[in-house]
Amino acid sequence: MFSKVLIANRGEIALRIIRSCQALGISTVAVYSEPDFRSQHVRLADEAVLVGGARPADSYLRIDAIIEAALDTGCQAIHPGYGFLSENAHFAEKVEAAGLSFIGPPAGVISTMGDKIAAKKLAIDSGVPTVPGHSDPVVNLEQAREAAEVVGYPVLLKPASGGGGKGMRVVEKEQDLGSALQLCQQETQKSFADDRIFVERYLTRP
């Protein structure tokens, strides 16, 4: 068993992991952004390391800073929680390359299933029924319009990365597509450092 684990997350997610580690007698290291320095997960952990500024891209998504914090504090493993870097295969690979254990699926599994576009293609190839949609990412409004016309309104704009519903937008009609796409791309880039979006049929009565 590990004796010290770094939690690469914040808030309630980090708190649950910290409490579980405490129950197992494992020391914990929290990471935090500048605005989060008084957060409960920072206070509850045995140690805490500042990893950057307010934006997730400047703190909780900084792979090298998080791995460096784990190494500097003598951790044997990193727990990503969910969201942020938990579905980032590159992060899992770099954690292992640094001689640390990644508490989660292998990088190959994350690469396939953490990317919703790749996961959907795998499901289709395996004969698993899926929601009708466009299987390639859209990068501009013209592509989004073409995909939506094929799929049929209402559509759901979905980020390829991340989870928890973050970045998703329901679009009922074409005139709302441009603003929804822009907001979706901005939110997913901010949260997951990946602005790839794909289009699916929005099911009102699954």
N, C-alpha and C. Protein backbone atom coordinates (compact mmCIF):
# COMPACT_ATOMS: atom_id res chain seq x y z
N MET A 1 0.84 -1.20 0.00
CA MET A 1 0.00 0.00 0.00
C MET A 1 0.88 1.25 0.00
N PHE A 2 0.38 2.32 -0.57
CA PHE A 2 1.11 3.58 -0.59
C PHE A 2 1.10 4.21 0.81
N SER A 3 2.16 4.96 1.10
CA SER A 3 2.20 5.68 2.37
C SER A 3 1.83 7.15 2.21
N LYS A 4 1.95 7.67 0.98
CA LYS A 4 1.59 9.07 0.74
C LYS A 4 1.07 9.23 -0.69
N VAL A 5 -0.06 9.92 -0.81
CA VAL A 5 -0.71 10.10 -2.11
C VAL A 5 -1.01 11.58 -2.34
N LEU A 6 -0.74 12.05 -3.54
CA LEU A 6 -1.13 13.41 -3.92
C LEU A 6 -2.48 13.35 -4.63
N ILE A 7 -3.37 14.27 -4.25
CA ILE A 7 -4.69 14.34 -4.88
C ILE A 7 -4.70 15.51 -5.85
N ALA A 8 -4.82 15.21 -7.13
CA ALA A 8 -4.77 16.24 -8.17
C ALA A 8 -6.17 16.75 -8.47
N ASN A 9 -6.81 17.32 -7.45
CA ASN A 9 -8.17 17.80 -7.60
C ASN A 9 -8.47 18.77 -6.45
N ARG A 10 -9.70 19.18 -6.35
CA ARG A 10 -10.08 20.14 -5.30
C ARG A 10 -11.50 19.86 -4.82
N GLY A 11 -11.94 20.65 -3.84
CA GLY A 11 -13.32 20.59 -3.39
C GLY A 11 -13.75 19.25 -2.82
N GLU A 12 -15.03 18.95 -2.99
CA GLU A 12 -15.61 17.74 -2.41
C GLU A 12 -14.94 16.47 -2.93
N ILE A 13 -14.52 16.50 -4.19
CA ILE A 13 -13.83 15.34 -4.77
C ILE A 13 -12.57 15.04 -3.96
N ALA A 14 -11.76 16.08 -3.75
CA ALA A 14 -10.51 15.90 -3.00
C ALA A 14 -10.79 15.51 -1.56
N LEU A 15 -11.82 16.09 -0.96
CA LEU A 15 -12.15 15.78 0.43
C LEU A 15 -12.49 14.30 0.62
N ARG A 16 -13.25 13.75 -0.29
CA ARG A 16 -13.61 12.33 -0.17
C ARG A 16 -12.38 11.44 -0.26
N ILE A 17 -11.47 11.79 -1.15
CA ILE A 17 -10.25 10.99 -1.30
C ILE A 17 -9.38 11.12 -0.06
N ILE A 18 -9.26 12.34 0.46
CA ILE A 18 -8.47 12.57 1.67
C ILE A 18 -9.02 11.75 2.84
N ARG A 19 -10.33 11.76 3.01
CA ARG A 19 -10.94 11.01 4.12
C ARG A 19 -10.74 9.51 3.96
N SER A 20 -10.83 9.04 2.74
CA SER A 20 -10.59 7.61 2.49
C SER A 20 -9.15 7.25 2.81
N CYS A 21 -8.23 8.11 2.41
CA CYS A 21 -6.81 7.86 2.71
C CYS A 21 -6.57 7.87 4.21
N GLN A 22 -7.18 8.81 4.91
CA GLN A 22 -7.03 8.87 6.36
C GLN A 22 -7.51 7.58 7.01
N ALA A 23 -8.62 7.05 6.52
CA ALA A 23 -9.15 5.80 7.07
C ALA A 23 -8.20 4.63 6.84
N LEU A 24 -7.39 4.74 5.79
CA LEU A 24 -6.42 3.68 5.47
C LEU A 24 -5.03 3.96 6.03
N GLY A 25 -4.89 5.08 6.73
CA GLY A 25 -3.59 5.43 7.30
C GLY A 25 -2.60 5.96 6.28
N ILE A 26 -3.10 6.54 5.19
CA ILE A 26 -2.24 7.06 4.13
C ILE A 26 -2.17 8.58 4.24
N SER A 27 -0.96 9.14 4.22
CA SER A 27 -0.78 10.59 4.25
C SER A 27 -1.20 11.18 2.91
N THR A 28 -1.67 12.43 2.94
CA THR A 28 -2.16 13.06 1.72
C THR A 28 -1.50 14.40 1.46
N VAL A 29 -1.37 14.70 0.18
CA VAL A 29 -0.86 15.99 -0.27
C VAL A 29 -1.91 16.60 -1.19
N ALA A 30 -2.35 17.80 -0.86
CA ALA A 30 -3.31 18.51 -1.71
C ALA A 30 -2.56 19.47 -2.62
N VAL A 31 -3.16 19.76 -3.77
CA VAL A 31 -2.67 20.85 -4.61
C VAL A 31 -3.77 21.90 -4.66
N TYR A 32 -3.38 23.15 -4.87
CA TYR A 32 -4.39 24.20 -4.87
C TYR A 32 -3.95 25.38 -5.74
N SER A 33 -4.95 26.12 -6.22
CA SER A 33 -4.69 27.35 -6.96
C SER A 33 -4.66 28.50 -5.96
N GLU A 34 -4.21 29.64 -6.41
CA GLU A 34 -4.09 30.79 -5.51
C GLU A 34 -5.41 31.14 -4.81
N PRO A 35 -6.55 31.17 -5.51
CA PRO A 35 -7.80 31.50 -4.81
C PRO A 35 -8.27 30.42 -3.84
N ASP A 36 -7.75 29.21 -3.98
CA ASP A 36 -8.22 28.08 -3.16
C ASP A 36 -7.37 27.84 -1.91
N PHE A 37 -6.52 28.80 -1.56
CA PHE A 37 -5.57 28.52 -0.48
C PHE A 37 -6.22 28.30 0.88
N ARG A 38 -7.46 28.75 1.03
CA ARG A 38 -8.17 28.53 2.30
C ARG A 38 -9.23 27.43 2.18
N SER A 39 -9.25 26.73 1.10
CA SER A 39 -10.26 25.69 0.88
C SER A 39 -10.11 24.55 1.88
N GLN A 40 -11.20 23.86 2.11
CA GLN A 40 -11.21 22.80 3.12
C GLN A 40 -10.26 21.66 2.77
N HIS A 41 -10.15 21.33 1.48
CA HIS A 41 -9.26 20.22 1.12
C HIS A 41 -7.81 20.57 1.41
N VAL A 42 -7.47 21.84 1.34
CA VAL A 42 -6.11 22.29 1.66
C VAL A 42 -5.86 22.14 3.15
N ARG A 43 -6.84 22.50 3.96
CA ARG A 43 -6.69 22.42 5.41
C ARG A 43 -6.69 20.98 5.92
N LEU A 44 -7.46 20.12 5.26
CA LEU A 44 -7.61 18.75 5.76
C LEU A 44 -6.43 17.86 5.39
N ALA A 45 -5.78 18.14 4.27
CA ALA A 45 -4.65 17.31 3.84
C ALA A 45 -3.46 17.50 4.78
N ASP A 46 -2.57 16.52 4.79
CA ASP A 46 -1.37 16.61 5.63
C ASP A 46 -0.40 17.67 5.11
N GLU A 47 -0.35 17.82 3.80
CA GLU A 47 0.47 18.84 3.17
C GLU A 47 -0.29 19.43 2.00
N ALA A 48 0.11 20.63 1.58
CA ALA A 48 -0.53 21.26 0.43
C ALA A 48 0.50 22.04 -0.37
N VAL A 49 0.35 21.99 -1.68
CA VAL A 49 1.31 22.64 -2.58
C VAL A 49 0.56 23.54 -3.56
N LEU A 50 1.00 24.79 -3.64
CA LEU A 50 0.45 25.73 -4.61
C LEU A 50 0.95 25.36 -6.00
N VAL A 51 0.03 25.23 -6.95
CA VAL A 51 0.44 24.83 -8.31
C VAL A 51 0.11 25.89 -9.37
N GLY A 52 -0.44 27.03 -8.97
CA GLY A 52 -0.66 28.07 -9.97
C GLY A 52 -1.83 28.98 -9.68
N GLY A 53 -2.23 29.70 -10.73
CA GLY A 53 -3.24 30.74 -10.61
C GLY A 53 -4.67 30.24 -10.66
N ALA A 54 -5.58 31.20 -10.84
CA ALA A 54 -7.01 30.92 -10.69
C ALA A 54 -7.57 30.01 -11.77
N ARG A 55 -7.15 30.21 -13.00
CA ARG A 55 -7.71 29.39 -14.09
C ARG A 55 -7.22 27.95 -13.97
N PRO A 56 -8.09 26.97 -14.19
CA PRO A 56 -7.65 25.57 -14.14
C PRO A 56 -6.45 25.29 -15.03
N ALA A 57 -6.39 25.94 -16.20
CA ALA A 57 -5.26 25.74 -17.10
C ALA A 57 -3.95 26.20 -16.47
N ASP A 58 -4.04 27.10 -15.50
CA ASP A 58 -2.85 27.61 -14.83
C ASP A 58 -2.56 26.89 -13.52
N SER A 59 -3.36 25.90 -13.16
CA SER A 59 -3.16 25.23 -11.88
C SER A 59 -3.51 23.74 -11.95
N TYR A 60 -4.78 23.40 -11.89
CA TYR A 60 -5.18 21.99 -11.78
C TYR A 60 -4.97 21.19 -13.07
N LEU A 61 -4.66 21.87 -14.16
CA LEU A 61 -4.36 21.18 -15.42
C LEU A 61 -2.87 21.23 -15.76
N ARG A 62 -2.06 21.73 -14.85
CA ARG A 62 -0.62 21.83 -15.10
C ARG A 62 0.05 20.50 -14.74
N ILE A 63 0.20 19.67 -15.73
CA ILE A 63 0.70 18.31 -15.52
C ILE A 63 2.07 18.30 -14.85
N ASP A 64 3.00 19.04 -15.40
CA ASP A 64 4.37 19.02 -14.87
C ASP A 64 4.44 19.54 -13.44
N ALA A 65 3.67 20.59 -13.14
CA ALA A 65 3.67 21.15 -11.78
C ALA A 65 3.10 20.17 -10.77
N ILE A 66 2.08 19.44 -11.16
CA ILE A 66 1.46 18.47 -10.26
C ILE A 66 2.39 17.29 -10.00
N ILE A 67 3.02 16.80 -11.06
CA ILE A 67 3.97 15.69 -10.88
C ILE A 67 5.16 16.13 -10.05
N GLU A 68 5.64 17.33 -10.29
CA GLU A 68 6.76 17.86 -9.50
C GLU A 68 6.38 17.96 -8.02
N ALA A 69 5.15 18.39 -7.74
CA ALA A 69 4.68 18.49 -6.36
C ALA A 69 4.67 17.12 -5.70
N ALA A 70 4.24 16.10 -6.44
CA ALA A 70 4.21 14.74 -5.90
C ALA A 70 5.61 14.24 -5.59
N LEU A 71 6.54 14.49 -6.49
CA LEU A 71 7.92 14.04 -6.28
C LEU A 71 8.58 14.79 -5.13
N ASP A 72 8.36 16.10 -5.08
CA ASP A 72 9.00 16.92 -4.04
C ASP A 72 8.50 16.58 -2.64
N THR A 73 7.28 16.08 -2.53
CA THR A 73 6.71 15.76 -1.21
C THR A 73 6.82 14.27 -0.87
N GLY A 74 7.48 13.51 -1.72
CA GLY A 74 7.72 12.10 -1.43
C GLY A 74 6.52 11.19 -1.60
N CYS A 75 5.61 11.56 -2.50
CA CYS A 75 4.45 10.70 -2.76
C CYS A 75 4.84 9.51 -3.62
N GLN A 76 4.10 8.43 -3.46
CA GLN A 76 4.30 7.27 -4.33
C GLN A 76 3.24 7.20 -5.43
N ALA A 77 2.16 7.96 -5.29
CA ALA A 77 1.06 7.85 -6.24
C ALA A 77 0.31 9.17 -6.35
N ILE A 78 -0.42 9.30 -7.46
CA ILE A 78 -1.30 10.45 -7.68
C ILE A 78 -2.70 9.94 -7.95
N HIS A 79 -3.66 10.50 -7.22
CA HIS A 79 -5.08 10.20 -7.45
C HIS A 79 -5.70 11.41 -8.15
N PRO A 80 -6.22 11.24 -9.37
CA PRO A 80 -6.74 12.39 -10.11
C PRO A 80 -8.16 12.80 -9.75
N GLY A 81 -8.86 11.97 -8.95
CA GLY A 81 -10.27 12.25 -8.71
C GLY A 81 -11.06 12.06 -9.99
N TYR A 82 -12.01 12.96 -10.25
CA TYR A 82 -12.69 12.94 -11.55
C TYR A 82 -12.78 14.37 -12.07
N GLY A 83 -12.93 14.49 -13.40
CA GLY A 83 -12.80 15.81 -14.00
C GLY A 83 -11.32 16.16 -14.12
N PHE A 84 -11.03 17.40 -14.46
CA PHE A 84 -9.65 17.88 -14.65
C PHE A 84 -8.82 16.89 -15.46
N LEU A 85 -7.79 16.28 -14.85
CA LEU A 85 -6.86 15.42 -15.59
C LEU A 85 -7.19 13.94 -15.50
N SER A 86 -8.31 13.61 -14.90
CA SER A 86 -8.61 12.19 -14.65
C SER A 86 -8.78 11.38 -15.92
N GLU A 87 -9.17 12.03 -17.02
CA GLU A 87 -9.37 11.32 -18.28
C GLU A 87 -8.33 11.72 -19.32
N ASN A 88 -7.20 12.20 -18.84
CA ASN A 88 -6.11 12.63 -19.72
C ASN A 88 -5.05 11.53 -19.78
N ALA A 89 -4.99 10.81 -20.89
CA ALA A 89 -4.06 9.69 -21.02
C ALA A 89 -2.61 10.16 -20.94
N HIS A 90 -2.34 11.34 -21.48
CA HIS A 90 -0.97 11.87 -21.43
C HIS A 90 -0.52 12.08 -19.99
N PHE A 91 -1.43 12.55 -19.15
CA PHE A 91 -1.12 12.73 -17.74
C PHE A 91 -0.79 11.39 -17.08
N ALA A 92 -1.61 10.39 -17.32
CA ALA A 92 -1.36 9.06 -16.75
C ALA A 92 0.00 8.52 -17.19
N GLU A 93 0.34 8.72 -18.46
CA GLU A 93 1.63 8.26 -18.98
C GLU A 93 2.78 8.98 -18.29
N LYS A 94 2.66 10.29 -18.12
CA LYS A 94 3.73 11.06 -17.50
C LYS A 94 3.89 10.73 -16.02
N VAL A 95 2.79 10.44 -15.35
CA VAL A 95 2.86 10.02 -13.94
C VAL A 95 3.67 8.74 -13.82
N GLU A 96 3.35 7.76 -14.66
CA GLU A 96 4.07 6.48 -14.64
C GLU A 96 5.53 6.67 -15.03
N ALA A 97 5.79 7.54 -16.02
CA ALA A 97 7.16 7.78 -16.48
C ALA A 97 8.01 8.42 -15.39
N ALA A 98 7.36 9.14 -14.47
CA ALA A 98 8.07 9.79 -13.37
C ALA A 98 8.34 8.83 -12.22
N GLY A 99 7.92 7.57 -12.37
CA GLY A 99 8.14 6.58 -11.32
C GLY A 99 7.05 6.56 -10.27
N LEU A 100 5.93 7.21 -10.56
CA LEU A 100 4.81 7.25 -9.64
C LEU A 100 3.69 6.33 -10.14
N SER A 101 2.80 5.97 -9.25
CA SER A 101 1.64 5.17 -9.64
C SER A 101 0.46 6.08 -9.92
N PHE A 102 -0.26 5.80 -10.98
CA PHE A 102 -1.47 6.53 -11.32
C PHE A 102 -2.66 5.72 -10.81
N ILE A 103 -3.43 6.29 -9.90
CA ILE A 103 -4.57 5.58 -9.33
C ILE A 103 -5.76 5.78 -10.27
N GLY A 104 -5.92 4.82 -11.17
CA GLY A 104 -6.96 4.92 -12.18
C GLY A 104 -6.69 3.94 -13.29
N PRO A 105 -7.44 4.01 -14.37
CA PRO A 105 -7.27 3.07 -15.48
C PRO A 105 -5.92 3.28 -16.17
N PRO A 106 -5.43 2.26 -16.89
CA PRO A 106 -4.21 2.42 -17.68
C PRO A 106 -4.40 3.50 -18.75
N ALA A 107 -3.29 4.10 -19.17
CA ALA A 107 -3.36 5.19 -20.14
C ALA A 107 -4.05 4.77 -21.43
N GLY A 108 -3.84 3.54 -21.87
CA GLY A 108 -4.46 3.08 -23.10
C GLY A 108 -5.97 3.06 -23.02
N VAL A 109 -6.49 2.67 -21.86
CA VAL A 109 -7.94 2.64 -21.66
C VAL A 109 -8.48 4.07 -21.60
N ILE A 110 -7.78 4.94 -20.91
CA ILE A 110 -8.20 6.34 -20.83
C ILE A 110 -8.23 6.96 -22.21
N SER A 111 -7.21 6.66 -23.00
CA SER A 111 -7.11 7.23 -24.35
C SER A 111 -8.32 6.87 -25.18
N THR A 112 -8.78 5.65 -25.04
CA THR A 112 -9.93 5.19 -25.83
C THR A 112 -11.25 5.66 -25.24
N MET A 113 -11.43 5.45 -23.94
CA MET A 113 -12.73 5.72 -23.32
C MET A 113 -12.87 7.14 -22.77
N GLY A 114 -11.75 7.79 -22.45
CA GLY A 114 -11.82 9.16 -21.95
C GLY A 114 -12.14 10.15 -23.05
N ASP A 115 -11.85 9.78 -24.29
CA ASP A 115 -12.17 10.61 -25.44
C ASP A 115 -13.52 10.12 -25.98
N LYS A 116 -14.56 10.92 -25.83
CA LYS A 116 -15.91 10.47 -26.19
C LYS A 116 -16.03 10.14 -27.67
N ILE A 117 -15.28 10.85 -28.51
CA ILE A 117 -15.34 10.58 -29.94
C ILE A 117 -14.76 9.20 -30.24
N ALA A 118 -13.58 8.92 -29.66
CA ALA A 118 -12.95 7.60 -29.86
C ALA A 118 -13.80 6.50 -29.24
N ALA A 119 -14.38 6.77 -28.07
CA ALA A 119 -15.20 5.77 -27.39
C ALA A 119 -16.44 5.44 -28.21
N LYS A 120 -17.04 6.46 -28.81
CA LYS A 120 -18.24 6.21 -29.61
C LYS A 120 -17.90 5.41 -30.87
N LYS A 121 -16.76 5.72 -31.48
CA LYS A 121 -16.34 4.96 -32.66
C LYS A 121 -16.11 3.49 -32.30
N LEU A 122 -15.51 3.26 -31.13
CA LEU A 122 -15.29 1.88 -30.68
C LEU A 122 -16.62 1.17 -30.47
N ALA A 123 -17.58 1.87 -29.87
CA ALA A 123 -18.89 1.27 -29.64
C ALA A 123 -19.57 0.91 -30.96
N ILE A 124 -19.50 1.82 -31.93
CA ILE A 124 -20.11 1.56 -33.23
C ILE A 124 -19.45 0.37 -33.91
N ASP A 125 -18.10 0.35 -33.87
CA ASP A 125 -17.36 -0.76 -34.49
C ASP A 125 -17.67 -2.09 -33.82
N SER A 126 -18.06 -2.03 -32.54
CA SER A 126 -18.36 -3.25 -31.79
C SER A 126 -19.83 -3.65 -31.88
N GLY A 127 -20.60 -2.88 -32.63
CA GLY A 127 -22.01 -3.20 -32.81
C GLY A 127 -22.90 -2.75 -31.67
N VAL A 128 -22.41 -1.83 -30.84
CA VAL A 128 -23.21 -1.32 -29.73
C VAL A 128 -24.08 -0.16 -30.22
N PRO A 129 -25.39 -0.19 -29.96
CA PRO A 129 -26.25 0.92 -30.39
C PRO A 129 -25.83 2.23 -29.73
N THR A 130 -25.83 3.30 -30.50
CA THR A 130 -25.45 4.61 -29.98
C THR A 130 -26.47 5.65 -30.41
N VAL A 131 -26.43 6.79 -29.75
CA VAL A 131 -27.29 7.91 -30.13
C VAL A 131 -26.83 8.43 -31.49
N PRO A 132 -27.75 8.72 -32.41
CA PRO A 132 -27.35 9.26 -33.71
C PRO A 132 -26.52 10.52 -33.55
N GLY A 133 -25.46 10.63 -34.31
CA GLY A 133 -24.61 11.80 -34.19
C GLY A 133 -23.51 11.82 -35.22
N HIS A 134 -22.72 12.87 -35.16
CA HIS A 134 -21.60 13.08 -36.06
C HIS A 134 -20.35 12.55 -35.38
N SER A 135 -19.58 11.73 -36.06
CA SER A 135 -18.48 11.03 -35.40
C SER A 135 -17.15 11.77 -35.43
N ASP A 136 -17.11 12.94 -36.07
CA ASP A 136 -15.87 13.73 -36.12
C ASP A 136 -16.07 15.05 -35.39
N PRO A 137 -14.99 15.61 -34.81
CA PRO A 137 -15.13 16.89 -34.12
C PRO A 137 -15.42 18.02 -35.11
N VAL A 138 -16.19 18.99 -34.67
CA VAL A 138 -16.44 20.19 -35.48
C VAL A 138 -15.60 21.32 -34.91
N VAL A 139 -14.98 22.08 -35.80
CA VAL A 139 -14.07 23.13 -35.34
C VAL A 139 -14.59 24.53 -35.65
N ASN A 140 -15.65 24.62 -36.43
CA ASN A 140 -16.20 25.94 -36.75
C ASN A 140 -17.70 25.82 -36.97
N LEU A 141 -18.33 26.97 -37.13
CA LEU A 141 -19.79 27.01 -37.25
C LEU A 141 -20.29 26.30 -38.50
N GLU A 142 -19.56 26.43 -39.60
CA GLU A 142 -19.99 25.78 -40.85
C GLU A 142 -20.05 24.26 -40.68
N GLN A 143 -19.02 23.70 -40.06
CA GLN A 143 -19.01 22.25 -39.82
C GLN A 143 -20.13 21.84 -38.86
N ALA A 144 -20.36 22.67 -37.85
CA ALA A 144 -21.41 22.37 -36.88
C ALA A 144 -22.78 22.39 -37.56
N ARG A 145 -23.00 23.34 -38.46
CA ARG A 145 -24.27 23.42 -39.18
C ARG A 145 -24.49 22.18 -40.05
N GLU A 146 -23.43 21.79 -40.75
CA GLU A 146 -23.54 20.61 -41.62
C GLU A 146 -23.86 19.36 -40.80
N ALA A 147 -23.18 19.22 -39.65
CA ALA A 147 -23.42 18.05 -38.79
C ALA A 147 -24.83 18.07 -38.24
N ALA A 148 -25.30 19.25 -37.81
CA ALA A 148 -26.64 19.36 -37.23
C ALA A 148 -27.72 19.06 -38.26
N GLU A 149 -27.48 19.46 -39.51
CA GLU A 149 -28.46 19.18 -40.57
C GLU A 149 -28.59 17.68 -40.80
N VAL A 150 -27.46 16.98 -40.72
CA VAL A 150 -27.48 15.53 -40.91
C VAL A 150 -28.16 14.84 -39.73
N VAL A 151 -27.81 15.28 -38.52
CA VAL A 151 -28.33 14.65 -37.30
C VAL A 151 -29.79 14.99 -37.07
N GLY A 152 -30.13 16.26 -37.31
CA GLY A 152 -31.50 16.73 -37.08
C GLY A 152 -31.66 17.38 -35.71
N TYR A 153 -32.33 18.53 -35.68
CA TYR A 153 -32.56 19.25 -34.42
C TYR A 153 -33.69 18.58 -33.63
N PRO A 154 -33.64 18.74 -32.28
CA PRO A 154 -32.61 19.41 -31.48
C PRO A 154 -31.33 18.58 -31.39
N VAL A 155 -30.20 19.29 -31.24
CA VAL A 155 -28.91 18.60 -31.14
C VAL A 155 -28.26 18.93 -29.80
N LEU A 156 -27.31 18.10 -29.45
CA LEU A 156 -26.53 18.30 -28.23
C LEU A 156 -25.08 18.46 -28.63
N LEU A 157 -24.49 19.60 -28.27
CA LEU A 157 -23.06 19.82 -28.48
C LEU A 157 -22.33 19.24 -27.27
N LYS A 158 -21.38 18.34 -27.53
CA LYS A 158 -20.70 17.66 -26.44
C LYS A 158 -19.18 17.79 -26.58
N PRO A 159 -18.49 18.10 -25.49
CA PRO A 159 -17.03 18.10 -25.51
C PRO A 159 -16.49 16.68 -25.67
N ALA A 160 -15.41 16.54 -26.40
CA ALA A 160 -14.79 15.22 -26.56
C ALA A 160 -14.15 14.76 -25.26
N SER A 161 -13.69 15.71 -24.45
CA SER A 161 -12.99 15.39 -23.21
C SER A 161 -13.86 15.71 -22.00
N GLY A 162 -13.34 15.32 -20.83
CA GLY A 162 -13.99 15.67 -19.58
C GLY A 162 -15.24 14.86 -19.30
N GLY A 163 -16.00 15.33 -18.34
CA GLY A 163 -17.20 14.60 -17.93
C GLY A 163 -18.08 15.46 -17.06
N GLY A 164 -19.08 14.83 -16.46
CA GLY A 164 -19.96 15.54 -15.55
C GLY A 164 -20.92 16.50 -16.22
N GLY A 165 -21.03 16.42 -17.55
CA GLY A 165 -21.94 17.32 -18.26
C GLY A 165 -21.38 18.69 -18.53
N LYS A 166 -20.15 18.94 -18.10
CA LYS A 166 -19.57 20.27 -18.28
C LYS A 166 -19.35 20.56 -19.76
N GLY A 167 -19.77 21.74 -20.19
CA GLY A 167 -19.57 22.17 -21.56
C GLY A 167 -20.66 21.78 -22.53
N MET A 168 -21.59 20.93 -22.12
CA MET A 168 -22.65 20.50 -23.04
C MET A 168 -23.66 21.63 -23.27
N ARG A 169 -24.19 21.68 -24.49
CA ARG A 169 -25.20 22.67 -24.83
C ARG A 169 -26.28 22.03 -25.70
N VAL A 170 -27.53 22.22 -25.32
CA VAL A 170 -28.66 21.77 -26.15
C VAL A 170 -29.02 22.92 -27.09
N VAL A 171 -29.16 22.60 -28.37
CA VAL A 171 -29.51 23.61 -29.38
C VAL A 171 -30.80 23.17 -30.06
N GLU A 172 -31.83 23.99 -29.91
CA GLU A 172 -33.15 23.65 -30.46
C GLU A 172 -33.29 24.06 -31.92
N LYS A 173 -32.62 25.16 -32.31
CA LYS A 173 -32.78 25.66 -33.67
C LYS A 173 -31.46 26.24 -34.17
N GLU A 174 -31.35 26.33 -35.51
CA GLU A 174 -30.08 26.68 -36.14
C GLU A 174 -29.56 28.05 -35.72
N GLN A 175 -30.43 29.02 -35.52
CA GLN A 175 -29.97 30.36 -35.20
C GLN A 175 -29.26 30.44 -33.85
N ASP A 176 -29.44 29.44 -33.01
CA ASP A 176 -28.78 29.43 -31.70
C ASP A 176 -27.46 28.65 -31.73
N LEU A 177 -27.14 28.06 -32.86
CA LEU A 177 -25.99 27.16 -32.92
C LEU A 177 -24.66 27.88 -32.73
N GLY A 178 -24.51 29.05 -33.34
CA GLY A 178 -23.24 29.76 -33.28
C GLY A 178 -22.83 30.13 -31.86
N SER A 179 -23.75 30.75 -31.12
CA SER A 179 -23.42 31.16 -29.75
C SER A 179 -23.21 29.95 -28.85
N ALA A 180 -24.00 28.90 -29.07
CA ALA A 180 -23.84 27.69 -28.25
C ALA A 180 -22.50 27.03 -28.50
N LEU A 181 -22.09 26.97 -29.77
CA LEU A 181 -20.80 26.36 -30.10
C LEU A 181 -19.65 27.14 -29.47
N GLN A 182 -19.73 28.46 -29.54
CA GLN A 182 -18.67 29.29 -28.96
C GLN A 182 -18.56 29.08 -27.45
N LEU A 183 -19.69 29.07 -26.76
CA LEU A 183 -19.69 28.86 -25.31
C LEU A 183 -19.17 27.47 -24.96
N CYS A 184 -19.58 26.49 -25.72
CA CYS A 184 -19.16 25.11 -25.49
C CYS A 184 -17.65 24.98 -25.65
N GLN A 185 -17.11 25.55 -26.71
CA GLN A 185 -15.66 25.48 -26.95
C GLN A 185 -14.88 26.21 -25.86
N GLN A 186 -15.38 27.36 -25.45
CA GLN A 186 -14.69 28.14 -24.42
C GLN A 186 -14.66 27.39 -23.09
N GLU A 187 -15.80 26.81 -22.72
CA GLU A 187 -15.88 26.13 -21.43
C GLU A 187 -15.03 24.87 -21.40
N THR A 188 -15.06 24.09 -22.48
CA THR A 188 -14.29 22.85 -22.48
C THR A 188 -12.80 23.11 -22.59
N GLN A 189 -12.42 24.19 -23.30
CA GLN A 189 -11.00 24.55 -23.35
C GLN A 189 -10.51 24.98 -21.97
N LYS A 190 -11.33 25.76 -21.28
CA LYS A 190 -10.97 26.23 -19.95
C LYS A 190 -10.89 25.09 -18.94
N SER A 191 -11.82 24.15 -19.03
CA SER A 191 -11.90 23.08 -18.04
C SER A 191 -11.00 21.90 -18.34
N PHE A 192 -10.82 21.59 -19.62
CA PHE A 192 -10.11 20.36 -19.99
C PHE A 192 -8.95 20.56 -20.95
N ALA A 193 -8.66 21.83 -21.31
CA ALA A 193 -7.58 22.15 -22.26
C ALA A 193 -7.77 21.41 -23.58
N ASP A 194 -9.00 21.31 -24.02
CA ASP A 194 -9.34 20.59 -25.26
C ASP A 194 -10.67 21.15 -25.76
N ASP A 195 -10.65 21.81 -26.92
CA ASP A 195 -11.88 22.45 -27.39
C ASP A 195 -12.61 21.65 -28.47
N ARG A 196 -12.30 20.37 -28.60
CA ARG A 196 -12.99 19.55 -29.60
C ARG A 196 -14.44 19.28 -29.18
N ILE A 197 -15.33 19.53 -30.12
CA ILE A 197 -16.77 19.39 -29.88
C ILE A 197 -17.35 18.46 -30.94
N PHE A 198 -18.31 17.61 -30.55
CA PHE A 198 -19.02 16.84 -31.56
C PHE A 198 -20.53 16.99 -31.35
N VAL A 199 -21.28 16.59 -32.35
CA VAL A 199 -22.72 16.84 -32.38
C VAL A 199 -23.49 15.52 -32.33
N GLU A 200 -24.47 15.46 -31.42
CA GLU A 200 -25.35 14.30 -31.32
C GLU A 200 -26.80 14.76 -31.34
N ARG A 201 -27.68 13.85 -31.69
CA ARG A 201 -29.11 14.12 -31.55
C ARG A 201 -29.44 14.25 -30.06
N TYR A 202 -30.22 15.27 -29.72
CA TYR A 202 -30.66 15.42 -28.34
C TYR A 202 -31.97 14.67 -28.17
N LEU A 203 -31.96 13.68 -27.31
CA LEU A 203 -33.14 12.85 -27.11
C LEU A 203 -34.02 13.43 -26.00
N THR A 204 -35.20 13.87 -26.37
CA THR A 204 -36.11 14.42 -25.37
C THR A 204 -36.87 13.32 -24.64
N ARG A 205 -37.03 12.17 -25.33
CA ARG A 205 -37.69 11.02 -24.70
C ARG A 205 -36.88 9.76 -25.00
N PRO A 206 -35.80 9.54 -24.25
CA PRO A 206 -34.92 8.39 -24.51
C PRO A 206 -35.68 7.07 -24.41
